[in-house]
């Protein structure tokens, strides 16, 4: 198992992997429809999307955590 100190990296990896997978499939189907080579189109889009998503989540997630903390009330 991976040490807990790498939580942020592991979370960012899986979040970017799953979100880029889902979004690239949805956008690929939206743009070209259910064509015969949709899997190839989608996998190429997914590879590119993941390459963008992982570093983006690594950079943006601390800001999002701060925004969530500001938006939520402290427990009484």
PDB file of N, CA and C in Angstrom:
ATOM      1  N   UNK A   1       0.844  -1.190   0.000  1.00  0.00           N
ATOM      2  CA  UNK A   1       0.000   0.000   0.000  1.00  0.00           C
ATOM      3  C   UNK A   1       0.885   1.249   0.000  1.00  0.00           C
ATOM      4  N   UNK A   2       0.288   2.323  -0.417  1.00  0.00           N
ATOM      5  CA  UNK A   2       0.999   3.592  -0.505  1.00  0.00           C
ATOM      6  C   UNK A   2       0.849   4.342   0.814  1.00  0.00           C
ATOM      7  N   UNK A   3       1.926   4.977   1.236  1.00  0.00           N
ATOM      8  CA  UNK A   3       1.926   5.725   2.496  1.00  0.00           C
ATOM      9  C   UNK A   3       0.937   6.890   2.438  1.00  0.00           C
ATOM     10  N   UNK A   4       0.300   7.178   3.571  1.00  0.00           N
ATOM     11  CA  UNK A   4      -0.706   8.239   3.657  1.00  0.00           C
ATOM     12  C   UNK A   4      -0.161   9.622   3.312  1.00  0.00           C
ATOM     13  N   UNK A   5       1.130   9.820   3.448  1.00  0.00           N
ATOM     14  CA  UNK A   5       1.676  11.144   3.149  1.00  0.00           C
ATOM     15  C   UNK A   5       1.550  11.494   1.661  1.00  0.00           C
ATOM     16  N   UNK A   6       1.269  10.492   0.827  1.00  0.00           N
ATOM     17  CA  UNK A   6       1.085  10.720  -0.604  1.00  0.00           C
ATOM     18  C   UNK A   6      -0.390  10.839  -0.982  1.00  0.00           C
ATOM     19  N   UNK A   7      -1.241  11.062   0.002  1.00  0.00           N
ATOM     20  CA  UNK A   7      -2.688  11.139  -0.222  1.00  0.00           C
ATOM     21  C   UNK A   7      -3.048  12.115  -1.325  1.00  0.00           C
ATOM     22  N   UNK A   8      -2.496  13.301  -1.296  1.00  0.00           N
ATOM     23  CA  UNK A   8      -2.833  14.334  -2.287  1.00  0.00           C
ATOM     24  C   UNK A   8      -2.481  13.884  -3.704  1.00  0.00           C
ATOM     25  N   UNK A   9      -1.336  13.267  -3.868  1.00  0.00           N
ATOM     26  CA  UNK A   9      -0.903  12.816  -5.202  1.00  0.00           C
ATOM     27  C   UNK A   9      -1.778  11.661  -5.687  1.00  0.00           C
ATOM     28  N   UNK A  10      -2.033  10.695  -4.805  1.00  0.00           N
ATOM     29  CA  UNK A  10      -2.842   9.537  -5.183  1.00  0.00           C
ATOM     30  C   UNK A  10      -4.280   9.967  -5.483  1.00  0.00           C
ATOM     31  N   UNK A  11      -4.829  10.849  -4.646  1.00  0.00           N
ATOM     32  CA  UNK A  11      -6.175  11.373  -4.899  1.00  0.00           C
ATOM     33  C   UNK A  11      -6.225  12.078  -6.256  1.00  0.00           C
ATOM     34  N   UNK A  12      -5.256  12.931  -6.523  1.00  0.00           N
ATOM     35  CA  UNK A  12      -5.219  13.673  -7.790  1.00  0.00           C
ATOM     36  C   UNK A  12      -5.097  12.730  -8.976  1.00  0.00           C
ATOM     37  N   UNK A  13      -4.295  11.673  -8.816  1.00  0.00           N
ATOM     38  CA  UNK A  13      -4.130  10.697  -9.894  1.00  0.00           C
ATOM     39  C   UNK A  13      -5.458  10.036 -10.237  1.00  0.00           C
ATOM     40  N   UNK A  14      -6.128   9.481  -9.222  1.00  0.00           N
ATOM     41  CA  UNK A  14      -7.374   8.768  -9.489  1.00  0.00           C
ATOM     42  C   UNK A  14      -8.495   9.714  -9.920  1.00  0.00           C
ATOM     43  N   UNK A  15      -8.562  10.889  -9.341  1.00  0.00           N
ATOM     44  CA  UNK A  15      -9.580  11.857  -9.745  1.00  0.00           C
ATOM     45  C   UNK A  15      -9.380  12.247 -11.212  1.00  0.00           C
ATOM     46  N   UNK A  16      -8.158  12.545 -11.593  1.00  0.00           N
ATOM     47  CA  UNK A  16      -7.901  12.939 -12.982  1.00  0.00           C
ATOM     48  C   UNK A  16      -8.096  11.765 -13.935  1.00  0.00           C
ATOM     49  N   UNK A  17      -7.745  10.567 -13.510  1.00  0.00           N
ATOM     50  CA  UNK A  17      -7.918   9.386 -14.348  1.00  0.00           C
ATOM     51  C   UNK A  17      -9.401   9.159 -14.654  1.00  0.00           C
ATOM     52  N   UNK A  18     -10.224   9.165 -13.613  1.00  0.00           N
ATOM     53  CA  UNK A  18     -11.651   8.895 -13.801  1.00  0.00           C
ATOM     54  C   UNK A  18     -12.377  10.042 -14.499  1.00  0.00           C
ATOM     55  N   UNK A  19     -12.104  11.269 -14.091  1.00  0.00           N
ATOM     56  CA  UNK A  19     -12.795  12.402 -14.712  1.00  0.00           C
ATOM     57  C   UNK A  19     -12.394  12.572 -16.176  1.00  0.00           C
ATOM     58  N   UNK A  20     -11.128  12.416 -16.485  1.00  0.00           N
ATOM     59  CA  UNK A  20     -10.708  12.545 -17.885  1.00  0.00           C
ATOM     60  C   UNK A  20     -11.283  11.409 -18.728  1.00  0.00           C
ATOM     61  N   UNK A  21     -11.406  10.226 -18.147  1.00  0.00           N
ATOM     62  CA  UNK A  21     -12.018   9.091 -18.845  1.00  0.00           C
ATOM     63  C   UNK A  21     -13.461   9.397 -19.199  1.00  0.00           C
ATOM     64  N   UNK A  22     -14.229   9.790 -18.215  1.00  0.00           N
ATOM     65  CA  UNK A  22     -15.657  10.046 -18.413  1.00  0.00           C
ATOM     66  C   UNK A  22     -15.879  11.228 -19.351  1.00  0.00           C
ATOM     67  N   UNK A  23     -15.190  12.325 -19.085  1.00  0.00           N
ATOM     68  CA  UNK A  23     -15.417  13.534 -19.890  1.00  0.00           C
ATOM     69  C   UNK A  23     -14.935  13.366 -21.329  1.00  0.00           C
ATOM     70  N   UNK A  24     -13.812  12.698 -21.538  1.00  0.00           N
ATOM     71  CA  UNK A  24     -13.336  12.504 -22.908  1.00  0.00           C
ATOM     72  C   UNK A  24     -14.282  11.603 -23.696  1.00  0.00           C
ATOM     73  N   UNK A  25     -14.875  10.602 -23.031  1.00  0.00           N
ATOM     74  CA  UNK A  25     -15.854   9.752 -23.718  1.00  0.00           C
ATOM     75  C   UNK A  25     -17.098  10.560 -24.083  1.00  0.00           C
ATOM     76  N   UNK A  26     -17.618  11.308 -23.138  1.00  0.00           N
ATOM     77  CA  UNK A  26     -18.823  12.104 -23.384  1.00  0.00           C
ATOM     78  C   UNK A  26     -18.588  13.114 -24.503  1.00  0.00           C
ATOM     79  N   UNK A  27     -17.477  13.804 -24.449  1.00  0.00           N
ATOM     80  CA  UNK A  27     -17.200  14.828 -25.458  1.00  0.00           C
ATOM     81  C   UNK A  27     -16.916  14.204 -26.824  1.00  0.00           C
ATOM     82  N   UNK A  28     -16.224  13.072 -26.841  1.00  0.00           N
ATOM     83  CA  UNK A  28     -15.959  12.387 -28.111  1.00  0.00           C
ATOM     84  C   UNK A  28     -17.253  11.941 -28.765  1.00  0.00           C
ATOM     85  N   UNK A  29     -18.144  11.326 -27.991  1.00  0.00           N
ATOM     86  CA  UNK A  29     -19.429  10.877 -28.538  1.00  0.00           C
ATOM     87  C   UNK A  29     -20.269  12.084 -28.962  1.00  0.00           C
ATOM     88  N   UNK A  30     -20.239  13.135 -28.189  1.00  0.00           N
ATOM     89  CA  UNK A  30     -20.987  14.347 -28.540  1.00  0.00           C
ATOM     90  C   UNK A  30     -20.497  14.920 -29.870  1.00  0.00           C
ATOM     91  N   UNK A  31     -19.181  14.928 -30.071  1.00  0.00           N
ATOM     92  CA  UNK A  31     -18.613  15.547 -31.275  1.00  0.00           C
ATOM     93  C   UNK A  31     -18.740  14.693 -32.525  1.00  0.00           C
ATOM     94  N   UNK A  32     -18.551  13.375 -32.412  1.00  0.00           N
ATOM     95  CA  UNK A  32     -18.536  12.540 -33.618  1.00  0.00           C
ATOM     96  C   UNK A  32     -19.627  11.477 -33.636  1.00  0.00           C
ATOM     97  N   UNK A  33     -20.319  11.282 -32.527  1.00  0.00           N
ATOM     98  CA  UNK A  33     -21.364  10.255 -32.465  1.00  0.00           C
ATOM     99  C   UNK A  33     -20.770   8.870 -32.233  1.00  0.00           C
ATOM    100  N   UNK A  34     -21.641   7.860 -32.289  1.00  0.00           N
ATOM    101  CA  UNK A  34     -21.210   6.474 -32.066  1.00  0.00           C
ATOM    102  C   UNK A  34     -20.697   5.885 -33.378  1.00  0.00           C
ATOM    103  N   UNK A  35     -19.561   6.390 -33.848  1.00  0.00           N
ATOM    104  CA  UNK A  35     -18.959   5.905 -35.089  1.00  0.00           C
ATOM    105  C   UNK A  35     -18.198   4.608 -34.810  1.00  0.00           C
ATOM    106  N   UNK A  36     -17.808   3.915 -35.870  1.00  0.00           N
ATOM    107  CA  UNK A  36     -17.161   2.607 -35.709  1.00  0.00           C
ATOM    108  C   UNK A  36     -15.809   2.685 -35.003  1.00  0.00           C
ATOM    109  N   UNK A  37     -15.114   3.798 -35.113  1.00  0.00           N
ATOM    110  CA  UNK A  37     -13.800   3.928 -34.469  1.00  0.00           C
ATOM    111  C   UNK A  37     -13.835   4.813 -33.222  1.00  0.00           C
ATOM    112  N   UNK A  38     -15.000   4.851 -32.556  1.00  0.00           N
ATOM    113  CA  UNK A  38     -15.138   5.717 -31.379  1.00  0.00           C
ATOM    114  C   UNK A  38     -14.167   5.327 -30.268  1.00  0.00           C
ATOM    115  N   UNK A  39     -13.864   4.062 -30.124  1.00  0.00           N
ATOM    116  CA  UNK A  39     -12.939   3.642 -29.057  1.00  0.00           C
ATOM    117  C   UNK A  39     -11.554   4.233 -29.308  1.00  0.00           C
ATOM    118  N   UNK A  40     -11.091   4.195 -30.530  1.00  0.00           N
ATOM    119  CA  UNK A  40      -9.792   4.769 -30.871  1.00  0.00           C
ATOM    120  C   UNK A  40      -9.777   6.281 -30.653  1.00  0.00           C
ATOM    121  N   UNK A  41     -10.831   6.934 -31.104  1.00  0.00           N
ATOM    122  CA  UNK A  41     -10.953   8.387 -30.918  1.00  0.00           C
ATOM    123  C   UNK A  41     -10.956   8.722 -29.437  1.00  0.00           C
ATOM    124  N   UNK A  42     -11.768   7.971 -28.677  1.00  0.00           N
ATOM    125  CA  UNK A  42     -11.881   8.213 -27.242  1.00  0.00           C
ATOM    126  C   UNK A  42     -10.561   7.970 -26.514  1.00  0.00           C
ATOM    127  N   UNK A  43      -9.858   6.879 -26.825  1.00  0.00           N
ATOM    128  CA  UNK A  43      -8.594   6.592 -26.134  1.00  0.00           C
ATOM    129  C   UNK A  43      -7.543   7.662 -26.416  1.00  0.00           C
ATOM    130  N   UNK A  44      -7.492   8.167 -27.627  1.00  0.00           N
ATOM    131  CA  UNK A  44      -6.570   9.263 -27.938  1.00  0.00           C
ATOM    132  C   UNK A  44      -6.940  10.521 -27.166  1.00  0.00           C
ATOM    133  N   UNK A  45      -8.239  10.816 -27.112  1.00  0.00           N
ATOM    134  CA  UNK A  45      -8.697  11.983 -26.357  1.00  0.00           C
ATOM    135  C   UNK A  45      -8.430  11.796 -24.873  1.00  0.00           C
ATOM    136  N   UNK A  46      -8.627  10.589 -24.355  1.00  0.00           N
ATOM    137  CA  UNK A  46      -8.410  10.312 -22.944  1.00  0.00           C
ATOM    138  C   UNK A  46      -6.948  10.490 -22.566  1.00  0.00           C
ATOM    139  N   UNK A  47      -6.051  10.006 -23.387  1.00  0.00           N
ATOM    140  CA  UNK A  47      -4.622  10.162 -23.115  1.00  0.00           C
ATOM    141  C   UNK A  47      -4.254  11.640 -23.011  1.00  0.00           C
ATOM    142  N   UNK A  48      -4.733  12.427 -23.954  1.00  0.00           N
ATOM    143  CA  UNK A  48      -4.450  13.862 -23.928  1.00  0.00           C
ATOM    144  C   UNK A  48      -5.106  14.529 -22.715  1.00  0.00           C
ATOM    145  N   UNK A  49      -6.365  14.176 -22.460  1.00  0.00           N
ATOM    146  CA  UNK A  49      -7.093  14.781 -21.341  1.00  0.00           C
ATOM    147  C   UNK A  49      -6.436  14.446 -20.007  1.00  0.00           C
ATOM    148  N   UNK A  50      -5.991  13.217 -19.838  1.00  0.00           N
ATOM    149  CA  UNK A  50      -5.339  12.835 -18.589  1.00  0.00           C
ATOM    150  C   UNK A  50      -4.028  13.601 -18.410  1.00  0.00           C
ATOM    151  N   UNK A  51      -3.283  13.773 -19.484  1.00  0.00           N
ATOM    152  CA  UNK A  51      -2.010  14.512 -19.421  1.00  0.00           C
ATOM    153  C   UNK A  51      -2.231  15.959 -18.989  1.00  0.00           C
ATOM    154  N   UNK A  52      -3.383  16.510 -19.304  1.00  0.00           N
ATOM    155  CA  UNK A  52      -3.723  17.867 -18.870  1.00  0.00           C
ATOM    156  C   UNK A  52      -4.343  17.853 -17.473  1.00  0.00           C
ATOM    157  N   UNK A  53      -5.206  16.884 -17.214  1.00  0.00           N
ATOM    158  CA  UNK A  53      -5.984  16.855 -15.970  1.00  0.00           C
ATOM    159  C   UNK A  53      -5.121  16.618 -14.731  1.00  0.00           C
ATOM    160  N   UNK A  54      -4.173  15.707 -14.795  1.00  0.00           N
ATOM    161  CA  UNK A  54      -3.395  15.374 -13.596  1.00  0.00           C
ATOM    162  C   UNK A  54      -2.620  16.573 -13.055  1.00  0.00           C
ATOM    163  N   UNK A  55      -1.799  17.247 -13.850  1.00  0.00           N
ATOM    164  CA  UNK A  55      -1.106  18.415 -13.293  1.00  0.00           C
ATOM    165  C   UNK A  55      -2.066  19.547 -12.920  1.00  0.00           C
ATOM    166  N   UNK A  56      -3.169  19.664 -13.658  1.00  0.00           N
ATOM    167  CA  UNK A  56      -4.145  20.702 -13.324  1.00  0.00           C
ATOM    168  C   UNK A  56      -4.750  20.459 -11.952  1.00  0.00           C
ATOM    169  N   UNK A  57      -5.149  19.232 -11.673  1.00  0.00           N
ATOM    170  CA  UNK A  57      -5.716  18.916 -10.362  1.00  0.00           C
ATOM    171  C   UNK A  57      -4.678  19.105  -9.267  1.00  0.00           C
ATOM    172  N   UNK A  58      -3.446  18.740  -9.542  1.00  0.00           N
ATOM    173  CA  UNK A  58      -2.383  18.943  -8.546  1.00  0.00           C
ATOM    174  C   UNK A  58      -2.231  20.426  -8.200  1.00  0.00           C
ATOM    175  N   UNK A  59      -2.369  21.284  -9.181  1.00  0.00           N
ATOM    176  CA  UNK A  59      -2.209  22.718  -8.957  1.00  0.00           C
ATOM    177  C   UNK A  59      -3.461  23.373  -8.371  1.00  0.00           C
ATOM    178  N   UNK A  60      -4.627  22.933  -8.802  1.00  0.00           N
ATOM    179  CA  UNK A  60      -5.872  23.594  -8.446  1.00  0.00           C
ATOM    180  C   UNK A  60      -6.465  23.084  -7.136  1.00  0.00           C
ATOM    181  N   UNK A  61      -6.215  21.845  -6.763  1.00  0.00           N
ATOM    182  CA  UNK A  61      -6.880  21.269  -5.590  1.00  0.00           C
ATOM    183  C   UNK A  61      -6.624  22.029  -4.288  1.00  0.00           C
ATOM    184  N   UNK A  62      -5.437  22.561  -4.016  1.00  0.00           N
ATOM    185  CA  UNK A  62      -5.288  23.346  -2.791  1.00  0.00           C
ATOM    186  C   UNK A  62      -6.184  24.588  -2.768  1.00  0.00           C
ATOM    187  N   UNK A  63      -6.354  25.217  -3.913  1.00  0.00           N
ATOM    188  CA  UNK A  63      -7.230  26.387  -4.000  1.00  0.00           C
ATOM    189  C   UNK A  63      -8.673  25.968  -3.757  1.00  0.00           C
ATOM    190  N   UNK A  64      -9.081  24.859  -4.331  1.00  0.00           N
ATOM    191  CA  UNK A  64     -10.446  24.369  -4.148  1.00  0.00           C
ATOM    192  C   UNK A  64     -10.694  24.015  -2.686  1.00  0.00           C
ATOM    193  N   UNK A  65      -9.729  23.382  -2.036  1.00  0.00           N
ATOM    194  CA  UNK A  65      -9.876  23.059  -0.610  1.00  0.00           C
ATOM    195  C   UNK A  65     -10.078  24.332   0.215  1.00  0.00           C
ATOM    196  N   UNK A  66      -9.359  25.387  -0.102  1.00  0.00           N
ATOM    197  CA  UNK A  66      -9.517  26.648   0.622  1.00  0.00           C
ATOM    198  C   UNK A  66     -10.884  27.270   0.354  1.00  0.00           C
ATOM    199  N   UNK A  67     -11.334  27.227  -0.888  1.00  0.00           N
ATOM    200  CA  UNK A  67     -12.650  27.751  -1.218  1.00  0.00           C
ATOM    201  C   UNK A  67     -13.759  26.981  -0.500  1.00  0.00           C
ATOM    202  N   UNK A  68     -13.625  25.668  -0.429  1.00  0.00           N
ATOM    203  CA  UNK A  68     -14.609  24.854   0.285  1.00  0.00           C
ATOM    204  C   UNK A  68     -14.608  25.207   1.758  1.00  0.00           C
ATOM    205  N   UNK A  69     -13.433  25.387   2.333  1.00  0.00           N
ATOM    206  CA  UNK A  69     -13.346  25.766   3.746  1.00  0.00           C
ATOM    207  C   UNK A  69     -14.010  27.119   4.006  1.00  0.00           C
ATOM    208  N   UNK A  70     -13.870  28.056   3.076  1.00  0.00           N
ATOM    209  CA  UNK A  70     -14.519  29.355   3.231  1.00  0.00           C
ATOM    210  C   UNK A  70     -16.031  29.263   3.067  1.00  0.00           C
ATOM    211  N   UNK A  71     -16.476  28.350   2.223  1.00  0.00           N
ATOM    212  CA  UNK A  71     -17.903  28.242   1.945  1.00  0.00           C
ATOM    213  C   UNK A  71     -18.681  27.495   3.028  1.00  0.00           C
ATOM    214  N   UNK A  72     -17.994  26.634   3.767  1.00  0.00           N
ATOM    215  CA  UNK A  72     -18.673  25.831   4.777  1.00  0.00           C
ATOM    216  C   UNK A  72     -18.532  26.440   6.165  1.00  0.00           C
ATOM    217  N   UNK A  73     -19.587  26.306   6.948  1.00  0.00           N
ATOM    218  CA  UNK A  73     -19.532  26.781   8.335  1.00  0.00           C
ATOM    219  C   UNK A  73     -18.712  25.803   9.165  1.00  0.00           C
ATOM    220  N   UNK A  74     -18.046  26.336  10.177  1.00  0.00           N
ATOM    221  CA  UNK A  74     -17.359  25.481  11.149  1.00  0.00           C
ATOM    222  C   UNK A  74     -18.399  24.755  11.981  1.00  0.00           C
ATOM    223  N   UNK A  75     -18.048  23.542  12.406  1.00  0.00           N
ATOM    224  CA  UNK A  75     -18.954  22.803  13.283  1.00  0.00           C
ATOM    225  C   UNK A  75     -18.979  23.433  14.661  1.00  0.00           C
ATOM    226  N   UNK A  76     -20.144  23.472  15.262  1.00  0.00           N
ATOM    227  CA  UNK A  76     -20.286  24.098  16.578  1.00  0.00           C
ATOM    228  C   UNK A  76     -19.964  23.127  17.682  1.00  0.00           C
TER     229      UNK A  76
END
